[in-house]
N, C-alpha and C. Protein backbone atom coordinates (compact mmCIF):
# COMPACT_ATOMS: atom_id res chain seq x y z
N UNK A 1 -1.68 -17.78 -8.69
CA UNK A 1 -1.45 -16.34 -8.69
C UNK A 1 -2.73 -15.54 -8.49
N UNK A 2 -3.86 -16.19 -8.55
CA UNK A 2 -5.11 -15.49 -8.34
C UNK A 2 -5.18 -14.83 -6.98
N UNK A 3 -4.59 -15.50 -5.97
CA UNK A 3 -4.62 -14.93 -4.63
C UNK A 3 -3.86 -13.61 -4.57
N UNK A 4 -2.73 -13.54 -5.26
CA UNK A 4 -1.93 -12.31 -5.29
C UNK A 4 -2.75 -11.20 -5.94
N UNK A 5 -3.34 -11.49 -7.07
CA UNK A 5 -4.13 -10.47 -7.78
C UNK A 5 -5.34 -10.05 -6.97
N UNK A 6 -5.98 -10.99 -6.30
CA UNK A 6 -7.13 -10.67 -5.45
C UNK A 6 -6.71 -9.76 -4.31
N UNK A 7 -5.59 -10.11 -3.66
CA UNK A 7 -5.10 -9.28 -2.56
C UNK A 7 -4.74 -7.88 -3.06
N UNK A 8 -4.05 -7.80 -4.19
CA UNK A 8 -3.65 -6.47 -4.71
C UNK A 8 -4.86 -5.62 -5.02
N UNK A 9 -5.90 -6.21 -5.59
CA UNK A 9 -7.12 -5.43 -5.89
C UNK A 9 -7.75 -4.95 -4.58
N UNK A 10 -7.82 -5.82 -3.58
CA UNK A 10 -8.37 -5.43 -2.28
C UNK A 10 -7.55 -4.31 -1.66
N UNK A 11 -6.22 -4.42 -1.71
CA UNK A 11 -5.36 -3.40 -1.15
C UNK A 11 -5.53 -2.07 -1.88
N UNK A 12 -5.64 -2.11 -3.19
CA UNK A 12 -5.86 -0.88 -3.96
C UNK A 12 -7.16 -0.21 -3.53
N UNK A 13 -8.20 -1.00 -3.39
CA UNK A 13 -9.49 -0.44 -2.96
C UNK A 13 -9.40 0.13 -1.55
N UNK A 14 -8.67 -0.56 -0.67
CA UNK A 14 -8.48 -0.06 0.69
C UNK A 14 -7.70 1.25 0.70
N UNK A 15 -6.65 1.33 -0.10
CA UNK A 15 -5.86 2.56 -0.17
C UNK A 15 -6.72 3.73 -0.66
N UNK A 16 -7.51 3.48 -1.67
CA UNK A 16 -8.40 4.53 -2.19
C UNK A 16 -9.34 5.01 -1.09
N UNK A 17 -9.89 4.09 -0.33
CA UNK A 17 -10.81 4.43 0.75
C UNK A 17 -10.09 5.15 1.88
N UNK A 18 -9.00 4.57 2.40
CA UNK A 18 -8.31 5.12 3.55
C UNK A 18 -7.63 6.45 3.27
N UNK A 19 -7.09 6.59 2.06
CA UNK A 19 -6.39 7.83 1.71
C UNK A 19 -7.32 8.84 1.04
N UNK A 20 -8.58 8.48 0.90
CA UNK A 20 -9.60 9.31 0.29
C UNK A 20 -9.18 9.80 -1.11
N UNK A 21 -8.77 8.85 -1.92
CA UNK A 21 -8.37 9.14 -3.30
C UNK A 21 -9.60 9.01 -4.20
N UNK A 22 -10.56 9.87 -3.97
CA UNK A 22 -11.86 9.74 -4.60
C UNK A 22 -11.82 9.85 -6.13
N UNK A 23 -10.75 10.41 -6.68
CA UNK A 23 -10.64 10.54 -8.13
C UNK A 23 -9.94 9.34 -8.76
N UNK A 24 -9.67 8.29 -7.97
CA UNK A 24 -8.96 7.10 -8.46
C UNK A 24 -9.84 5.86 -8.35
N UNK A 25 -9.56 4.90 -9.21
CA UNK A 25 -10.16 3.57 -9.11
C UNK A 25 -9.01 2.58 -8.97
N UNK A 26 -9.33 1.34 -8.61
CA UNK A 26 -8.29 0.31 -8.47
C UNK A 26 -7.52 0.15 -9.77
N UNK A 27 -8.20 0.29 -10.91
CA UNK A 27 -7.53 0.15 -12.21
C UNK A 27 -6.56 1.29 -12.48
N UNK A 28 -6.74 2.43 -11.81
CA UNK A 28 -5.83 3.56 -11.99
C UNK A 28 -4.48 3.34 -11.31
N UNK A 29 -4.44 2.45 -10.33
CA UNK A 29 -3.20 2.21 -9.59
C UNK A 29 -2.46 1.06 -10.26
N UNK A 30 -1.37 1.38 -10.89
CA UNK A 30 -0.57 0.38 -11.61
C UNK A 30 0.45 -0.23 -10.66
N UNK A 31 0.63 -1.54 -10.76
CA UNK A 31 1.50 -2.26 -9.82
C UNK A 31 2.92 -1.73 -9.77
N UNK A 32 3.50 -1.38 -10.89
CA UNK A 32 4.90 -0.95 -10.93
C UNK A 32 5.07 0.56 -10.91
N UNK A 33 3.99 1.28 -10.72
CA UNK A 33 4.04 2.74 -10.66
C UNK A 33 4.51 3.21 -9.28
N UNK A 34 5.35 4.24 -9.22
CA UNK A 34 5.75 4.78 -7.92
C UNK A 34 4.53 5.26 -7.13
N UNK A 35 4.59 5.11 -5.83
CA UNK A 35 3.49 5.58 -4.99
C UNK A 35 3.57 7.09 -4.75
N UNK A 36 4.79 7.61 -4.70
CA UNK A 36 4.99 9.00 -4.32
C UNK A 36 5.47 9.84 -5.50
N UNK A 37 5.22 11.12 -5.39
CA UNK A 37 5.60 12.13 -6.39
C UNK A 37 4.96 11.84 -7.73
N UNK A 38 5.76 11.51 -8.76
CA UNK A 38 5.24 11.43 -10.12
C UNK A 38 4.28 10.28 -10.37
N UNK A 39 4.30 9.26 -9.55
CA UNK A 39 3.41 8.12 -9.75
C UNK A 39 2.01 8.41 -9.28
N UNK A 40 1.63 7.80 -8.19
CA UNK A 40 0.29 7.98 -7.65
C UNK A 40 0.13 9.35 -7.00
N UNK A 41 1.26 9.98 -6.68
CA UNK A 41 1.21 11.34 -6.16
C UNK A 41 1.00 11.45 -4.66
N UNK A 42 1.32 10.39 -3.92
CA UNK A 42 1.15 10.43 -2.48
C UNK A 42 2.24 11.28 -1.84
N UNK A 43 2.02 11.67 -0.57
CA UNK A 43 3.00 12.47 0.16
C UNK A 43 3.32 11.81 1.49
N UNK A 44 4.12 12.47 2.33
CA UNK A 44 4.58 11.88 3.58
C UNK A 44 3.42 11.60 4.56
N UNK A 45 2.40 12.43 4.53
CA UNK A 45 1.24 12.16 5.39
C UNK A 45 0.51 10.90 4.95
N UNK A 46 0.48 10.68 3.65
CA UNK A 46 -0.12 9.44 3.15
C UNK A 46 0.70 8.23 3.60
N UNK A 47 2.02 8.38 3.65
CA UNK A 47 2.88 7.28 4.12
C UNK A 47 2.55 6.91 5.56
N UNK A 48 2.32 7.92 6.39
CA UNK A 48 1.95 7.68 7.78
C UNK A 48 0.62 6.92 7.84
N UNK A 49 -0.33 7.33 7.03
CA UNK A 49 -1.63 6.65 6.98
C UNK A 49 -1.47 5.20 6.54
N UNK A 50 -0.59 4.95 5.58
CA UNK A 50 -0.36 3.58 5.11
C UNK A 50 0.24 2.73 6.23
N UNK A 51 1.17 3.29 6.99
CA UNK A 51 1.77 2.56 8.11
C UNK A 51 0.70 2.21 9.14
N UNK A 52 -0.18 3.15 9.44
CA UNK A 52 -1.28 2.90 10.39
C UNK A 52 -2.19 1.81 9.85
N UNK A 53 -2.50 1.87 8.57
CA UNK A 53 -3.31 0.85 7.91
C UNK A 53 -2.64 -0.52 8.03
N UNK A 54 -1.35 -0.58 7.82
CA UNK A 54 -0.63 -1.84 7.89
C UNK A 54 -0.71 -2.42 9.31
N UNK A 55 -0.67 -1.56 10.30
CA UNK A 55 -0.77 -2.02 11.70
C UNK A 55 -2.18 -2.52 12.01
N UNK A 56 -3.16 -1.72 11.69
CA UNK A 56 -4.54 -2.03 12.08
C UNK A 56 -5.16 -3.16 11.27
N UNK A 57 -5.02 -3.09 9.98
CA UNK A 57 -5.70 -4.04 9.09
C UNK A 57 -4.93 -5.34 8.93
N UNK A 58 -3.59 -5.25 8.90
CA UNK A 58 -2.80 -6.42 8.56
C UNK A 58 -1.89 -6.89 9.68
N UNK A 59 -1.90 -6.21 10.83
CA UNK A 59 -1.14 -6.65 11.99
C UNK A 59 0.37 -6.54 11.86
N UNK A 60 0.84 -5.65 11.02
CA UNK A 60 2.28 -5.47 10.84
C UNK A 60 2.78 -4.40 11.81
N UNK A 61 3.68 -4.76 12.73
CA UNK A 61 4.17 -3.77 13.69
C UNK A 61 4.98 -2.66 13.01
N UNK A 62 4.90 -1.47 13.58
CA UNK A 62 5.62 -0.33 13.02
C UNK A 62 7.11 -0.62 12.93
N UNK A 63 7.64 -1.39 13.88
CA UNK A 63 9.07 -1.70 13.87
C UNK A 63 9.50 -2.47 12.62
N UNK A 64 8.56 -3.18 11.99
CA UNK A 64 8.87 -3.90 10.75
C UNK A 64 9.00 -2.95 9.56
N UNK A 65 8.44 -1.77 9.69
CA UNK A 65 8.39 -0.82 8.57
C UNK A 65 9.45 0.27 8.69
N UNK A 66 9.84 0.60 9.92
CA UNK A 66 10.77 1.71 10.14
C UNK A 66 12.06 1.54 9.34
N UNK A 67 12.49 2.63 8.74
CA UNK A 67 13.74 2.69 7.98
C UNK A 67 13.78 1.74 6.80
N UNK A 68 12.63 1.41 6.25
CA UNK A 68 12.56 0.53 5.08
C UNK A 68 11.82 1.24 3.96
N UNK A 69 12.42 2.30 3.47
CA UNK A 69 11.78 3.10 2.43
C UNK A 69 11.48 2.31 1.16
N UNK A 70 12.27 1.27 0.90
CA UNK A 70 12.09 0.48 -0.31
C UNK A 70 10.71 -0.18 -0.37
N UNK A 71 10.08 -0.38 0.79
CA UNK A 71 8.74 -0.95 0.83
C UNK A 71 7.77 -0.07 0.04
N UNK A 72 7.99 1.22 0.07
CA UNK A 72 7.08 2.19 -0.53
C UNK A 72 7.46 2.62 -1.94
N UNK A 73 8.38 1.91 -2.57
CA UNK A 73 8.84 2.30 -3.91
C UNK A 73 7.71 2.26 -4.93
N UNK A 74 6.99 1.16 -4.98
CA UNK A 74 5.88 1.00 -5.91
C UNK A 74 4.72 0.33 -5.19
N UNK A 75 3.59 0.30 -5.83
CA UNK A 75 2.47 -0.41 -5.24
C UNK A 75 2.82 -1.88 -5.06
N UNK A 76 3.49 -2.48 -6.05
CA UNK A 76 3.84 -3.90 -5.98
C UNK A 76 4.75 -4.21 -4.80
N UNK A 77 5.74 -3.35 -4.53
CA UNK A 77 6.64 -3.61 -3.40
C UNK A 77 5.87 -3.51 -2.08
N UNK A 78 4.95 -2.58 -2.00
CA UNK A 78 4.13 -2.44 -0.80
C UNK A 78 3.24 -3.67 -0.62
N UNK A 79 2.55 -4.08 -1.66
CA UNK A 79 1.65 -5.23 -1.59
C UNK A 79 2.42 -6.50 -1.25
N UNK A 80 3.57 -6.70 -1.86
CA UNK A 80 4.37 -7.89 -1.59
C UNK A 80 4.84 -7.92 -0.14
N UNK A 81 5.26 -6.76 0.38
CA UNK A 81 5.70 -6.68 1.77
C UNK A 81 4.56 -7.03 2.72
N UNK A 82 3.40 -6.46 2.47
CA UNK A 82 2.25 -6.72 3.34
C UNK A 82 1.87 -8.20 3.29
N UNK A 83 1.82 -8.78 2.10
CA UNK A 83 1.47 -10.20 1.98
C UNK A 83 2.46 -11.08 2.73
N UNK A 84 3.73 -10.75 2.68
CA UNK A 84 4.76 -11.58 3.30
C UNK A 84 4.81 -11.41 4.83
N UNK A 85 4.32 -10.28 5.34
CA UNK A 85 4.49 -9.98 6.76
C UNK A 85 3.20 -9.86 7.56
N UNK A 86 2.07 -10.01 6.92
CA UNK A 86 0.80 -9.82 7.61
C UNK A 86 0.57 -10.92 8.65
N UNK A 87 -0.08 -10.52 9.74
CA UNK A 87 -0.44 -11.48 10.78
C UNK A 87 -1.95 -11.59 10.92
N UNK A 88 -2.68 -10.75 10.21
CA UNK A 88 -4.15 -10.78 10.23
C UNK A 88 -4.67 -11.13 8.86
């Protein structure tokens, strides 16, 4: 399970960098916390940035993400999806 935790920490740090969440640390992002609204507080523009990140960094085509809102429910669902579908 170390690999999962290592990947999640890396992804949290990448999200902080890419989304410019300068007031957050990796420890602030809880695995089961919602990404949007009351959780991490992300918005629809952040979702677009995450999709671009998934394409560029992890090789996940946009077609794999379209109409799959459940991917973005929590940080854990996002991380698990990326780990299962990454090509890079």
